């Protein structure tokens, strides 16, 4: 969930092994490891907009590394794999953004 909207849903294993929303990917990257050397945690850049300044369309677009003009329209929570849904115009990311990052 991001800014009051569900952005990804599915079986826990799918979410942890193959996240498909950029916010979920950012969250997974910020989880500290339990083994090995301590390293600086990854963060999701920017801040959550206040309810008064929430952008139109995808609420994550002002912080998203993949944002494009089409993100100004709200993406549906669409099935990308069986029982795995993501609210991103570009999910599944590895197919629709190949070479873009």
N, C-alpha and C. Protein backbone atom coordinates (compact mmCIF):
# COMPACT_ATOMS: atom_id res chain seq x y z
N UNK A 1 0.85 -1.17 0.00
CA UNK A 1 0.00 0.00 0.00
C UNK A 1 0.90 1.23 0.00
N UNK A 2 0.52 2.21 -0.81
CA UNK A 2 1.25 3.46 -0.87
C UNK A 2 0.25 4.60 -0.93
N UNK A 3 0.37 5.55 -0.01
CA UNK A 3 -0.47 6.75 0.04
C UNK A 3 -1.96 6.39 -0.02
N UNK A 4 -2.33 5.34 0.71
CA UNK A 4 -3.73 4.96 0.81
C UNK A 4 -4.27 4.09 -0.29
N UNK A 5 -3.44 3.67 -1.21
CA UNK A 5 -3.88 2.80 -2.31
C UNK A 5 -3.06 1.52 -2.34
N UNK A 6 -3.73 0.41 -2.63
CA UNK A 6 -3.02 -0.86 -2.80
C UNK A 6 -2.25 -0.78 -4.11
N UNK A 7 -0.96 -1.04 -4.06
CA UNK A 7 -0.14 -0.99 -5.28
C UNK A 7 0.31 -2.37 -5.73
N UNK A 8 0.29 -3.34 -4.82
CA UNK A 8 0.67 -4.70 -5.21
C UNK A 8 0.05 -5.69 -4.22
N UNK A 9 -0.42 -6.79 -4.76
CA UNK A 9 -1.01 -7.84 -3.94
C UNK A 9 -0.71 -9.19 -4.58
N UNK A 10 -0.54 -10.19 -3.74
CA UNK A 10 -0.27 -11.53 -4.25
C UNK A 10 0.26 -12.41 -3.15
N UNK A 11 0.60 -13.64 -3.48
CA UNK A 11 1.19 -14.53 -2.50
C UNK A 11 2.51 -13.95 -1.98
N UNK A 12 2.78 -14.14 -0.69
CA UNK A 12 3.99 -13.58 -0.08
C UNK A 12 5.24 -13.97 -0.85
N UNK A 13 5.32 -15.22 -1.27
CA UNK A 13 6.52 -15.67 -1.99
C UNK A 13 6.72 -14.87 -3.27
N UNK A 14 5.64 -14.61 -4.00
CA UNK A 14 5.74 -13.84 -5.24
C UNK A 14 6.16 -12.39 -4.97
N UNK A 15 5.60 -11.81 -3.92
CA UNK A 15 5.94 -10.42 -3.59
C UNK A 15 7.42 -10.32 -3.19
N UNK A 16 7.90 -11.28 -2.41
CA UNK A 16 9.30 -11.23 -1.94
C UNK A 16 10.30 -11.61 -3.03
N UNK A 17 9.94 -12.53 -3.91
CA UNK A 17 10.91 -13.00 -4.91
C UNK A 17 10.81 -12.27 -6.24
N UNK A 18 9.64 -11.69 -6.55
CA UNK A 18 9.46 -11.02 -7.84
C UNK A 18 8.54 -9.81 -7.70
N UNK A 19 8.93 -8.81 -6.89
CA UNK A 19 8.08 -7.63 -6.74
C UNK A 19 7.92 -6.93 -8.09
N UNK A 20 6.71 -6.41 -8.35
CA UNK A 20 6.44 -5.82 -9.65
C UNK A 20 6.03 -4.35 -9.62
N UNK A 21 5.89 -3.78 -8.44
CA UNK A 21 5.63 -2.34 -8.36
C UNK A 21 6.90 -1.65 -7.90
N UNK A 22 7.27 -0.52 -8.48
CA UNK A 22 8.50 0.15 -8.08
C UNK A 22 8.58 0.46 -6.58
N UNK A 23 7.46 0.75 -5.94
CA UNK A 23 7.48 1.00 -4.50
C UNK A 23 7.82 -0.28 -3.74
N UNK A 24 7.22 -1.39 -4.13
CA UNK A 24 7.53 -2.67 -3.48
C UNK A 24 9.00 -3.02 -3.66
N UNK A 25 9.53 -2.78 -4.85
CA UNK A 25 10.95 -3.03 -5.11
C UNK A 25 11.81 -2.19 -4.17
N UNK A 26 11.44 -0.92 -3.99
CA UNK A 26 12.17 -0.05 -3.06
C UNK A 26 12.10 -0.54 -1.64
N UNK A 27 10.93 -1.00 -1.22
CA UNK A 27 10.79 -1.53 0.14
C UNK A 27 11.64 -2.77 0.33
N UNK A 28 11.61 -3.68 -0.64
CA UNK A 28 12.39 -4.91 -0.53
C UNK A 28 13.89 -4.61 -0.47
N UNK A 29 14.32 -3.59 -1.18
CA UNK A 29 15.73 -3.21 -1.19
C UNK A 29 16.16 -2.59 0.14
N UNK A 30 15.19 -2.12 0.93
CA UNK A 30 15.53 -1.47 2.19
C UNK A 30 15.56 -2.42 3.38
N UNK A 31 15.27 -3.69 3.16
CA UNK A 31 15.28 -4.67 4.24
C UNK A 31 16.74 -5.02 4.58
N UNK A 32 17.11 -4.88 5.85
CA UNK A 32 18.50 -5.19 6.21
C UNK A 32 18.77 -6.69 6.16
N UNK A 33 19.98 -7.05 5.80
CA UNK A 33 20.39 -8.44 5.81
C UNK A 33 20.68 -8.90 7.23
N UNK A 34 20.46 -10.16 7.50
CA UNK A 34 20.72 -10.70 8.83
C UNK A 34 22.13 -11.24 8.95
N UNK A 35 22.78 -11.44 7.83
CA UNK A 35 24.14 -11.99 7.83
C UNK A 35 25.05 -11.07 7.04
N UNK A 36 26.32 -11.24 7.25
CA UNK A 36 27.29 -10.45 6.49
C UNK A 36 27.54 -9.10 7.12
N UNK A 37 28.35 -8.31 6.45
CA UNK A 37 28.71 -7.00 7.01
C UNK A 37 27.51 -6.04 7.00
N UNK A 38 27.53 -5.13 7.93
CA UNK A 38 26.49 -4.10 7.96
C UNK A 38 26.77 -3.10 6.84
N UNK A 39 25.74 -2.79 6.12
CA UNK A 39 25.87 -1.80 5.05
C UNK A 39 24.76 -0.78 5.20
N UNK A 40 24.93 0.32 4.55
CA UNK A 40 23.92 1.38 4.59
C UNK A 40 22.67 0.87 3.88
N UNK A 41 21.52 1.08 4.52
CA UNK A 41 20.27 0.62 3.93
C UNK A 41 19.87 1.48 2.74
N UNK A 42 19.25 0.86 1.78
CA UNK A 42 18.71 1.56 0.63
C UNK A 42 17.45 2.32 1.06
N UNK A 43 17.17 3.42 0.42
CA UNK A 43 15.95 4.17 0.72
C UNK A 43 15.20 4.46 -0.57
N UNK A 44 13.92 4.74 -0.43
CA UNK A 44 13.11 5.19 -1.55
C UNK A 44 13.26 6.71 -1.58
N UNK A 45 13.76 7.28 -2.67
CA UNK A 45 14.00 8.72 -2.70
C UNK A 45 12.71 9.54 -2.56
N UNK A 46 12.86 10.76 -2.06
CA UNK A 46 11.72 11.67 -1.94
C UNK A 46 10.91 11.41 -0.68
N UNK A 47 9.77 12.09 -0.59
CA UNK A 47 8.88 11.92 0.55
C UNK A 47 7.46 11.68 0.06
N UNK A 48 6.66 11.04 0.89
CA UNK A 48 5.25 10.81 0.54
C UNK A 48 4.56 12.17 0.52
N UNK A 49 3.86 12.49 -0.57
CA UNK A 49 3.17 13.78 -0.63
C UNK A 49 2.05 13.84 0.41
N UNK A 50 1.76 15.03 0.88
CA UNK A 50 0.63 15.19 1.80
C UNK A 50 -0.66 14.96 1.03
N UNK A 51 -1.73 14.69 1.73
CA UNK A 51 -3.01 14.44 1.08
C UNK A 51 -3.46 15.64 0.24
N UNK A 52 -3.05 16.84 0.66
CA UNK A 52 -3.42 18.05 -0.10
C UNK A 52 -2.63 18.19 -1.41
N UNK A 53 -1.47 17.58 -1.47
CA UNK A 53 -0.63 17.72 -2.67
C UNK A 53 -0.44 16.40 -3.42
N UNK A 54 -1.33 15.45 -3.16
CA UNK A 54 -1.22 14.14 -3.81
C UNK A 54 -1.32 14.31 -5.32
N UNK A 55 -0.38 13.75 -6.09
CA UNK A 55 -0.44 13.91 -7.55
C UNK A 55 -1.60 13.12 -8.14
N UNK A 56 -2.05 13.56 -9.28
CA UNK A 56 -3.08 12.82 -10.03
C UNK A 56 -2.43 11.57 -10.59
N UNK A 57 -3.24 10.58 -10.86
CA UNK A 57 -2.72 9.35 -11.47
C UNK A 57 -2.04 8.48 -10.44
N UNK A 58 -0.90 7.92 -10.81
CA UNK A 58 -0.15 7.07 -9.89
C UNK A 58 0.42 7.95 -8.78
N UNK A 59 0.08 7.64 -7.55
CA UNK A 59 0.54 8.45 -6.43
C UNK A 59 2.04 8.31 -6.17
N UNK A 60 2.65 7.29 -6.70
CA UNK A 60 4.09 7.07 -6.51
C UNK A 60 4.92 7.75 -7.59
N UNK A 61 4.31 8.29 -8.61
CA UNK A 61 5.04 8.75 -9.79
C UNK A 61 6.08 9.83 -9.52
N UNK A 62 5.89 10.65 -8.50
CA UNK A 62 6.89 11.69 -8.23
C UNK A 62 8.16 11.13 -7.60
N UNK A 63 8.12 9.87 -7.17
CA UNK A 63 9.27 9.22 -6.56
C UNK A 63 9.78 8.04 -7.38
N UNK A 64 9.10 7.73 -8.45
CA UNK A 64 9.36 6.52 -9.22
C UNK A 64 10.46 6.72 -10.28
N UNK A 65 11.45 5.82 -10.32
CA UNK A 65 12.50 5.95 -11.32
C UNK A 65 12.02 5.62 -12.74
N UNK A 66 10.85 5.01 -12.86
CA UNK A 66 10.32 4.63 -14.18
C UNK A 66 9.21 5.54 -14.66
N UNK A 67 8.87 6.59 -13.93
CA UNK A 67 7.72 7.45 -14.26
C UNK A 67 7.83 8.03 -15.67
N UNK A 68 6.72 8.01 -16.35
CA UNK A 68 6.59 8.55 -17.69
C UNK A 68 5.28 9.35 -17.73
N UNK A 69 5.02 10.12 -18.77
CA UNK A 69 3.78 10.90 -18.83
C UNK A 69 2.50 10.08 -18.62
N UNK A 70 2.48 8.84 -19.05
CA UNK A 70 1.26 8.04 -18.88
C UNK A 70 0.94 7.78 -17.42
N UNK A 71 1.90 7.98 -16.52
CA UNK A 71 1.67 7.78 -15.09
C UNK A 71 0.78 8.86 -14.49
N UNK A 72 0.46 9.88 -15.28
CA UNK A 72 -0.47 10.91 -14.83
C UNK A 72 -1.90 10.39 -14.80
N UNK A 73 -2.12 9.19 -15.34
CA UNK A 73 -3.41 8.51 -15.20
C UNK A 73 -3.22 7.35 -14.24
N UNK A 74 -4.25 7.10 -13.43
CA UNK A 74 -4.14 6.05 -12.41
C UNK A 74 -4.10 4.67 -13.05
N UNK A 75 -3.08 3.89 -12.74
CA UNK A 75 -3.01 2.53 -13.29
C UNK A 75 -3.96 1.61 -12.54
N UNK A 76 -4.56 0.66 -13.23
CA UNK A 76 -5.43 -0.31 -12.54
C UNK A 76 -4.59 -1.32 -11.77
N UNK A 77 -5.18 -1.93 -10.77
CA UNK A 77 -4.54 -3.03 -10.05
C UNK A 77 -4.79 -4.27 -10.91
N UNK A 78 -3.89 -4.52 -11.84
CA UNK A 78 -4.08 -5.55 -12.87
C UNK A 78 -3.30 -6.82 -12.57
N UNK A 79 -3.87 -7.95 -12.96
CA UNK A 79 -3.20 -9.23 -12.78
C UNK A 79 -2.05 -9.33 -13.78
N UNK A 80 -0.85 -9.60 -13.27
CA UNK A 80 0.31 -9.74 -14.13
C UNK A 80 0.80 -11.18 -14.17
N UNK A 81 0.50 -11.91 -13.12
CA UNK A 81 0.77 -13.34 -12.99
C UNK A 81 -0.41 -13.92 -12.23
N UNK A 82 -0.64 -15.22 -12.27
CA UNK A 82 -1.77 -15.76 -11.51
C UNK A 82 -1.72 -15.32 -10.04
N UNK A 83 -2.79 -14.69 -9.58
CA UNK A 83 -2.94 -14.21 -8.19
C UNK A 83 -1.94 -13.12 -7.79
N UNK A 84 -1.26 -12.53 -8.73
CA UNK A 84 -0.28 -11.46 -8.46
C UNK A 84 -0.71 -10.23 -9.25
N UNK A 85 -1.02 -9.16 -8.53
CA UNK A 85 -1.51 -7.94 -9.17
C UNK A 85 -0.60 -6.76 -8.80
N UNK A 86 -0.48 -5.83 -9.73
CA UNK A 86 0.30 -4.61 -9.47
C UNK A 86 -0.38 -3.44 -10.16
N UNK A 87 -0.37 -2.30 -9.48
CA UNK A 87 -0.95 -1.07 -10.03
C UNK A 87 0.18 -0.24 -10.63
N UNK A 88 0.68 -0.70 -11.76
CA UNK A 88 1.75 0.00 -12.47
C UNK A 88 1.52 -0.20 -13.96
N UNK A 89 1.58 0.89 -14.71
CA UNK A 89 1.40 0.80 -16.16
C UNK A 89 2.45 -0.07 -16.82
N UNK A 90 3.58 -0.30 -16.14
CA UNK A 90 4.70 -1.00 -16.74
C UNK A 90 4.92 -2.42 -16.23
N UNK A 91 4.02 -2.91 -15.40
CA UNK A 91 4.14 -4.29 -14.90
C UNK A 91 3.62 -5.25 -15.97
N UNK A 92 4.30 -6.37 -16.18
CA UNK A 92 5.52 -6.84 -15.53
C UNK A 92 6.74 -6.04 -15.99
N UNK A 93 7.45 -5.53 -15.02
CA UNK A 93 8.55 -4.60 -15.28
C UNK A 93 9.64 -5.15 -16.18
N UNK A 94 10.01 -6.41 -15.98
CA UNK A 94 11.12 -6.96 -16.76
C UNK A 94 10.76 -7.09 -18.24
N UNK A 95 9.49 -7.08 -18.58
CA UNK A 95 9.09 -7.15 -19.98
C UNK A 95 8.87 -5.76 -20.58
N UNK A 96 8.21 -4.89 -19.83
CA UNK A 96 7.83 -3.60 -20.40
C UNK A 96 8.88 -2.51 -20.26
N UNK A 97 9.85 -2.69 -19.37
CA UNK A 97 10.88 -1.69 -19.19
C UNK A 97 12.27 -2.19 -19.53
N UNK A 98 12.34 -3.24 -20.29
CA UNK A 98 13.64 -3.84 -20.65
C UNK A 98 14.54 -2.77 -21.26
N UNK A 99 15.68 -2.55 -20.62
CA UNK A 99 16.65 -1.58 -21.12
C UNK A 99 16.37 -0.16 -20.75
N UNK A 100 15.29 0.13 -19.99
CA UNK A 100 14.94 1.51 -19.68
C UNK A 100 15.64 2.04 -18.43
N UNK A 101 16.06 1.17 -17.53
CA UNK A 101 16.63 1.65 -16.26
C UNK A 101 18.10 1.91 -16.37
